[in-house]
C-alpha cells in the first residue's frame, strides 16, 4: 500500500470523527461491484468500535 493511500485513508478517518459528518455515498451503485460497495461502507463506519481494523479491511478487499 502506498503512502498516499495510507494518508488518504487516515484523512478520511479524521474527517469522520467530526460530529456532524455524514459518510459519502456512491452516486451510481451500478458502476461498482457489491464487494466494493461493502468495502466502502465498512471503511466509512463512523464509530471506531464498530469499524473493522485496517487488517480486517485489507482481508475484505483481498477477497473482493
Protein backbone atom coordinates (compact mmCIF):
# COMPACT_ATOMS: atom_id res chain seq x y z
CA UNK A 1 0.00 0.00 0.00
CA UNK A 2 1.42 3.37 -0.97
CA UNK A 3 1.95 6.25 1.46
CA UNK A 4 -0.61 8.30 -0.49
CA UNK A 5 -3.24 5.60 0.07
CA UNK A 6 -2.44 5.49 3.79
CA UNK A 7 -2.62 9.29 4.02
CA UNK A 8 -5.98 9.43 2.23
CA UNK A 9 -7.38 6.70 4.45
CA UNK A 10 -6.15 8.43 7.63
CA UNK A 11 -7.54 11.76 6.42
CA UNK A 12 -10.92 10.13 5.82
CA UNK A 13 -10.91 8.72 9.35
CA UNK A 14 -10.04 12.15 10.77
CA UNK A 15 -12.87 13.84 8.88
CA UNK A 16 -15.26 11.11 10.01
CA UNK A 17 -14.52 11.94 13.63
CA UNK A 18 -16.23 15.31 13.22
CA UNK A 19 -19.62 15.20 14.97
CA UNK A 20 -21.82 16.29 12.05
CA UNK A 21 -20.12 14.17 9.42
CA UNK A 22 -22.30 12.05 7.16
CA UNK A 23 -20.32 9.47 5.22
CA UNK A 24 -20.22 9.92 1.47
CA UNK A 25 -22.16 7.53 -0.70
CA UNK A 26 -21.52 6.12 -4.13
CA UNK A 27 -23.71 8.01 -6.59
CA UNK A 28 -24.22 5.29 -9.16
CA UNK A 29 -24.01 1.94 -7.41
CA UNK A 30 -24.46 0.11 -10.70
CA UNK A 31 -20.90 1.10 -11.63
CA UNK A 32 -19.40 -0.66 -8.61
CA UNK A 33 -19.32 -4.28 -7.54
CA UNK A 34 -21.21 -5.33 -4.44
CA UNK A 35 -17.89 -6.24 -2.79
CA UNK A 36 -16.50 -2.75 -3.42
CA UNK A 37 -19.69 -1.14 -2.09
CA UNK A 38 -19.38 -3.26 1.06
CA UNK A 39 -15.70 -2.30 1.46
CA UNK A 40 -16.53 1.41 1.21
CA UNK A 41 -19.40 1.05 3.67
CA UNK A 42 -17.21 -0.78 6.20
CA UNK A 43 -14.35 1.69 5.74
CA UNK A 44 -16.59 4.66 6.44
CA UNK A 45 -18.20 3.32 9.62
CA UNK A 46 -18.12 6.33 11.94
CA UNK A 47 -18.00 4.58 15.30
CA UNK A 48 -14.47 3.23 15.82
CA UNK A 49 -15.68 0.30 17.91
CA UNK A 50 -17.93 -0.82 15.05
CA UNK A 51 -15.40 -0.10 12.26
CA UNK A 52 -13.20 -3.05 11.27
CA UNK A 53 -9.47 -2.77 11.82
CA UNK A 54 -7.20 -1.98 8.89
CA UNK A 55 -6.13 -5.65 8.79
CA UNK A 56 -9.76 -6.77 8.54
CA UNK A 57 -10.44 -4.20 5.81
CA UNK A 58 -7.46 -5.50 3.86
CA UNK A 59 -8.86 -9.03 4.19
CA UNK A 60 -12.20 -7.83 2.84
CA UNK A 61 -10.53 -6.05 -0.09
CA UNK A 62 -8.33 -9.05 -0.83
CA UNK A 63 -11.32 -11.34 -1.17
CA UNK A 64 -13.16 -8.96 -3.49
